[in-house]
């Protein structure tokens, strides 16, 4: 029986993806910015299943970095704590903006 809300789950997913997002150095040097919209499946145990790019950022390197952020964020919390569903498709925008790049070092 779920003990937490699905909204809470989605917020945890979003935060984890943001923490695991990286802006490829080559894309930064080229001045590439954009938002990739990705749909991905979260399995019952929190692992990621299928991942699909729904809308490209316009740059393959940023699209791949968005997919990688999702893969690096897995596993997510177990779905059974939040919903009765055995799997869940989630759609997220992942934005790459040069003004948001954290200073390295």
N, C-alpha and C. Protein backbone atom coordinates (compact mmCIF):
# COMPACT_ATOMS: atom_id res chain seq x y z
N UNK A 1 0.84 -1.19 0.00
CA UNK A 1 0.00 0.00 0.00
C UNK A 1 0.88 1.24 0.00
N UNK A 2 0.66 2.15 -0.93
CA UNK A 2 1.48 3.37 -0.99
C UNK A 2 1.35 4.20 0.29
N UNK A 3 2.47 4.70 0.74
CA UNK A 3 2.46 5.51 1.96
C UNK A 3 2.82 6.96 1.68
N UNK A 4 3.24 7.25 0.46
CA UNK A 4 3.64 8.60 0.07
C UNK A 4 2.94 8.97 -1.22
N UNK A 5 2.94 10.23 -1.57
CA UNK A 5 2.22 10.68 -2.77
C UNK A 5 3.07 10.55 -4.03
N UNK A 6 2.38 10.37 -5.14
CA UNK A 6 3.06 10.30 -6.43
C UNK A 6 3.73 11.64 -6.74
N UNK A 7 3.14 12.74 -6.29
CA UNK A 7 3.74 14.06 -6.47
C UNK A 7 5.10 14.12 -5.79
N UNK A 8 5.20 13.54 -4.61
CA UNK A 8 6.47 13.50 -3.88
C UNK A 8 7.50 12.67 -4.66
N UNK A 9 7.05 11.55 -5.24
CA UNK A 9 7.93 10.71 -6.03
C UNK A 9 8.48 11.49 -7.22
N UNK A 10 7.59 12.17 -7.94
CA UNK A 10 8.00 12.92 -9.13
C UNK A 10 8.98 14.03 -8.77
N UNK A 11 8.81 14.66 -7.62
CA UNK A 11 9.74 15.70 -7.16
C UNK A 11 11.12 15.10 -6.87
N UNK A 12 11.14 13.92 -6.26
CA UNK A 12 12.42 13.24 -5.98
C UNK A 12 13.12 12.88 -7.28
N UNK A 13 12.36 12.40 -8.26
CA UNK A 13 12.91 12.05 -9.57
C UNK A 13 13.53 13.28 -10.23
N UNK A 14 12.79 14.38 -10.23
CA UNK A 14 13.26 15.62 -10.85
C UNK A 14 14.56 16.11 -10.20
N UNK A 15 14.60 16.10 -8.88
CA UNK A 15 15.80 16.56 -8.17
C UNK A 15 17.00 15.66 -8.45
N UNK A 16 16.76 14.37 -8.50
CA UNK A 16 17.86 13.43 -8.75
C UNK A 16 18.42 13.63 -10.15
N UNK A 17 17.55 13.85 -11.13
CA UNK A 17 18.01 14.08 -12.50
C UNK A 17 18.83 15.37 -12.57
N UNK A 18 18.37 16.42 -11.92
CA UNK A 18 19.11 17.69 -11.92
C UNK A 18 20.50 17.52 -11.29
N UNK A 19 20.59 16.73 -10.23
CA UNK A 19 21.88 16.48 -9.57
C UNK A 19 22.83 15.70 -10.48
N UNK A 20 22.27 14.84 -11.32
CA UNK A 20 23.09 13.98 -12.18
C UNK A 20 23.27 14.52 -13.59
N UNK A 21 22.74 15.69 -13.85
CA UNK A 21 22.88 16.32 -15.17
C UNK A 21 24.29 16.90 -15.31
N UNK A 22 24.87 16.73 -16.47
CA UNK A 22 26.18 17.34 -16.74
C UNK A 22 26.10 18.01 -18.10
N UNK A 23 26.77 19.11 -18.21
CA UNK A 23 26.77 19.91 -19.45
C UNK A 23 28.08 19.57 -20.16
N UNK A 24 28.02 18.87 -21.27
CA UNK A 24 29.26 18.46 -21.94
C UNK A 24 30.15 19.66 -22.29
N UNK A 25 31.43 19.52 -22.01
CA UNK A 25 32.39 20.59 -22.24
C UNK A 25 32.37 21.06 -23.70
N UNK A 26 32.32 20.13 -24.63
CA UNK A 26 32.30 20.50 -26.05
C UNK A 26 31.07 21.36 -26.36
N UNK A 27 29.92 21.01 -25.79
CA UNK A 27 28.69 21.78 -26.02
C UNK A 27 28.82 23.18 -25.43
N UNK A 28 29.43 23.28 -24.27
CA UNK A 28 29.64 24.59 -23.65
C UNK A 28 30.56 25.45 -24.50
N UNK A 29 31.65 24.84 -24.98
CA UNK A 29 32.61 25.58 -25.81
C UNK A 29 31.98 26.07 -27.11
N UNK A 30 31.05 25.29 -27.65
CA UNK A 30 30.38 25.65 -28.90
C UNK A 30 29.22 26.61 -28.67
N UNK A 31 28.87 26.83 -27.40
CA UNK A 31 27.76 27.72 -27.08
C UNK A 31 26.39 27.10 -27.27
N UNK A 32 26.33 25.77 -27.26
CA UNK A 32 25.06 25.08 -27.45
C UNK A 32 24.19 25.19 -26.20
N UNK A 33 22.94 25.55 -26.40
CA UNK A 33 21.94 25.57 -25.35
C UNK A 33 20.67 24.94 -25.89
N UNK A 34 19.84 24.43 -25.01
CA UNK A 34 18.57 23.89 -25.45
C UNK A 34 17.91 23.04 -24.39
N UNK A 35 16.69 22.62 -24.70
CA UNK A 35 15.91 21.75 -23.81
C UNK A 35 15.54 20.50 -24.58
N UNK A 36 15.86 19.36 -24.01
CA UNK A 36 15.46 18.08 -24.59
C UNK A 36 14.32 17.55 -23.72
N UNK A 37 13.27 17.06 -24.37
CA UNK A 37 12.15 16.47 -23.63
C UNK A 37 12.25 14.96 -23.78
N UNK A 38 12.35 14.30 -22.64
CA UNK A 38 12.59 12.86 -22.60
C UNK A 38 11.46 12.18 -21.85
N UNK A 39 11.03 11.04 -22.36
CA UNK A 39 10.07 10.18 -21.68
C UNK A 39 10.83 8.92 -21.28
N UNK A 40 10.62 8.48 -20.04
CA UNK A 40 11.29 7.26 -19.61
C UNK A 40 10.41 6.48 -18.66
N UNK A 41 10.68 5.19 -18.62
CA UNK A 41 9.89 4.25 -17.84
C UNK A 41 10.63 3.95 -16.53
N UNK A 42 9.92 4.07 -15.41
CA UNK A 42 10.47 3.66 -14.12
C UNK A 42 9.79 2.34 -13.77
N UNK A 43 10.61 1.32 -13.53
CA UNK A 43 10.09 -0.01 -13.19
C UNK A 43 9.78 -0.08 -11.70
N UNK A 44 9.07 -1.12 -11.30
CA UNK A 44 8.61 -1.29 -9.92
C UNK A 44 9.73 -1.13 -8.89
N UNK A 45 10.92 -1.64 -9.21
CA UNK A 45 12.03 -1.58 -8.25
C UNK A 45 12.83 -0.28 -8.33
N UNK A 46 12.36 0.67 -9.16
CA UNK A 46 13.04 1.97 -9.26
C UNK A 46 14.03 2.08 -10.41
N UNK A 47 14.33 0.95 -11.05
CA UNK A 47 15.26 1.01 -12.19
C UNK A 47 14.58 1.67 -13.38
N UNK A 48 15.40 2.19 -14.29
CA UNK A 48 14.89 2.80 -15.51
C UNK A 48 14.77 1.74 -16.59
N UNK A 49 13.63 1.74 -17.28
CA UNK A 49 13.42 0.85 -18.42
C UNK A 49 13.75 1.59 -19.70
N UNK A 50 12.77 1.68 -20.59
CA UNK A 50 12.96 2.37 -21.87
C UNK A 50 13.10 3.87 -21.69
N UNK A 51 13.88 4.48 -22.57
CA UNK A 51 14.07 5.93 -22.59
C UNK A 51 13.87 6.39 -24.03
N UNK A 52 13.08 7.46 -24.21
CA UNK A 52 12.82 7.99 -25.55
C UNK A 52 12.96 9.51 -25.55
N UNK A 53 13.59 10.03 -26.59
CA UNK A 53 13.63 11.48 -26.78
C UNK A 53 12.34 11.86 -27.52
N UNK A 54 11.50 12.67 -26.86
CA UNK A 54 10.25 13.12 -27.48
C UNK A 54 10.47 14.35 -28.33
N UNK A 55 11.35 15.24 -27.87
CA UNK A 55 11.66 16.46 -28.62
C UNK A 55 13.13 16.79 -28.41
N UNK A 56 13.86 16.86 -29.48
CA UNK A 56 15.29 17.14 -29.43
C UNK A 56 15.57 18.58 -29.01
N UNK A 57 16.72 18.76 -28.41
CA UNK A 57 17.20 20.10 -28.06
C UNK A 57 17.70 20.82 -29.31
N UNK A 58 17.89 20.05 -30.37
CA UNK A 58 18.48 20.58 -31.58
C UNK A 58 19.95 20.21 -31.70
N UNK A 59 20.49 19.62 -30.63
CA UNK A 59 21.89 19.22 -30.60
C UNK A 59 21.99 17.79 -30.06
N UNK A 60 22.53 16.90 -30.87
CA UNK A 60 22.66 15.50 -30.48
C UNK A 60 23.44 15.35 -29.17
N UNK A 61 24.47 16.15 -28.99
CA UNK A 61 25.31 16.04 -27.79
C UNK A 61 24.50 16.37 -26.52
N UNK A 62 23.58 17.34 -26.60
CA UNK A 62 22.76 17.67 -25.44
C UNK A 62 21.67 16.62 -25.22
N UNK A 63 21.12 16.08 -26.29
CA UNK A 63 20.12 15.01 -26.17
C UNK A 63 20.74 13.81 -25.46
N UNK A 64 21.95 13.44 -25.88
CA UNK A 64 22.64 12.30 -25.25
C UNK A 64 22.96 12.58 -23.79
N UNK A 65 23.34 13.82 -23.47
CA UNK A 65 23.62 14.19 -22.08
C UNK A 65 22.36 14.10 -21.23
N UNK A 66 21.21 14.44 -21.80
CA UNK A 66 19.94 14.30 -21.09
C UNK A 66 19.61 12.85 -20.79
N UNK A 67 19.80 12.00 -21.77
CA UNK A 67 19.57 10.56 -21.58
C UNK A 67 20.52 10.02 -20.51
N UNK A 68 21.77 10.44 -20.58
CA UNK A 68 22.77 9.98 -19.60
C UNK A 68 22.42 10.43 -18.19
N UNK A 69 21.86 11.63 -18.04
CA UNK A 69 21.45 12.12 -16.72
C UNK A 69 20.39 11.20 -16.11
N UNK A 70 19.48 10.72 -16.93
CA UNK A 70 18.45 9.81 -16.44
C UNK A 70 19.07 8.47 -16.05
N UNK A 71 19.94 7.95 -16.88
CA UNK A 71 20.60 6.68 -16.57
C UNK A 71 21.42 6.77 -15.29
N UNK A 72 22.12 7.88 -15.10
CA UNK A 72 22.95 8.07 -13.91
C UNK A 72 22.11 8.25 -12.64
N UNK A 73 20.86 8.63 -12.82
CA UNK A 73 19.97 8.86 -11.68
C UNK A 73 19.31 7.57 -11.18
N UNK A 74 19.39 6.52 -11.95
CA UNK A 74 18.79 5.24 -11.60
C UNK A 74 19.68 4.50 -10.60
N UNK A 75 19.09 3.80 -9.63
CA UNK A 75 17.66 3.58 -9.45
C UNK A 75 17.00 4.72 -8.68
N UNK A 76 15.72 4.91 -8.98
CA UNK A 76 14.89 5.85 -8.24
C UNK A 76 14.27 5.10 -7.07
N UNK A 77 13.56 5.79 -6.18
CA UNK A 77 12.88 5.07 -5.09
C UNK A 77 11.90 4.04 -5.65
N UNK A 78 11.60 3.02 -4.86
CA UNK A 78 10.67 1.97 -5.30
C UNK A 78 9.28 2.56 -5.50
N UNK A 79 8.68 2.20 -6.61
CA UNK A 79 7.34 2.70 -6.95
C UNK A 79 6.29 2.32 -5.91
N UNK A 80 6.44 1.14 -5.31
CA UNK A 80 5.40 0.64 -4.39
C UNK A 80 5.18 1.55 -3.18
N UNK A 81 6.14 2.41 -2.87
CA UNK A 81 5.96 3.35 -1.76
C UNK A 81 5.06 4.51 -2.15
N UNK A 82 4.83 4.71 -3.45
CA UNK A 82 4.13 5.89 -3.94
C UNK A 82 2.87 5.59 -4.75
N UNK A 83 2.79 4.40 -5.34
CA UNK A 83 1.66 4.10 -6.23
C UNK A 83 1.47 2.58 -6.32
N UNK A 84 0.29 2.19 -6.79
CA UNK A 84 0.01 0.77 -7.01
C UNK A 84 0.54 0.30 -8.36
N UNK A 85 0.95 1.24 -9.21
CA UNK A 85 1.42 0.89 -10.55
C UNK A 85 2.72 0.09 -10.48
N UNK A 86 2.86 -0.81 -11.43
CA UNK A 86 4.08 -1.63 -11.50
C UNK A 86 5.17 -0.95 -12.33
N UNK A 87 4.76 -0.01 -13.18
CA UNK A 87 5.71 0.80 -13.91
C UNK A 87 5.05 2.13 -14.23
N UNK A 88 5.87 3.13 -14.47
CA UNK A 88 5.36 4.47 -14.66
C UNK A 88 6.18 5.17 -15.73
N UNK A 89 5.50 5.78 -16.70
CA UNK A 89 6.19 6.58 -17.71
C UNK A 89 6.22 8.03 -17.23
N UNK A 90 7.37 8.65 -17.28
CA UNK A 90 7.54 10.03 -16.84
C UNK A 90 8.11 10.83 -18.00
N UNK A 91 7.60 12.04 -18.17
CA UNK A 91 8.08 12.95 -19.21
C UNK A 91 8.75 14.14 -18.51
N UNK A 92 10.01 14.40 -18.87
CA UNK A 92 10.73 15.51 -18.24
C UNK A 92 11.46 16.36 -19.28
N UNK A 93 11.46 17.67 -19.06
CA UNK A 93 12.32 18.53 -19.86
C UNK A 93 13.67 18.65 -19.14
N UNK A 94 14.75 18.56 -19.87
CA UNK A 94 16.08 18.76 -19.30
C UNK A 94 16.71 19.90 -20.08
N UNK A 95 16.97 20.99 -19.36
CA UNK A 95 17.44 22.22 -19.99
C UNK A 95 18.93 22.44 -19.75
N UNK A 96 19.60 22.83 -20.80
CA UNK A 96 21.02 23.17 -20.74
C UNK A 96 21.15 24.64 -21.09
N UNK A 97 21.54 25.46 -20.10
CA UNK A 97 21.73 26.89 -20.31
C UNK A 97 23.12 27.27 -19.82
N UNK A 98 23.85 27.98 -20.64
CA UNK A 98 25.21 28.36 -20.28
C UNK A 98 25.23 29.21 -19.01
N UNK A 99 24.23 30.03 -18.79
CA UNK A 99 24.19 30.88 -17.60
C UNK A 99 24.01 30.09 -16.31
N UNK A 100 23.61 28.82 -16.41
CA UNK A 100 23.40 27.98 -15.22
C UNK A 100 24.57 27.04 -14.93
N UNK A 101 25.63 27.12 -15.73
CA UNK A 101 26.78 26.23 -15.54
C UNK A 101 27.48 26.60 -14.24
N UNK A 102 27.66 25.58 -13.38
CA UNK A 102 28.38 25.80 -12.13
C UNK A 102 29.86 25.93 -12.41
N UNK A 103 30.49 26.77 -11.65
CA UNK A 103 31.95 26.94 -11.80
C UNK A 103 32.65 25.65 -11.34
N UNK A 104 33.61 25.24 -12.11
CA UNK A 104 34.36 24.03 -11.78
C UNK A 104 35.61 24.41 -10.99
N UNK A 105 35.99 23.45 -10.13
CA UNK A 105 37.25 23.67 -9.43
C UNK A 105 37.15 23.71 -7.98
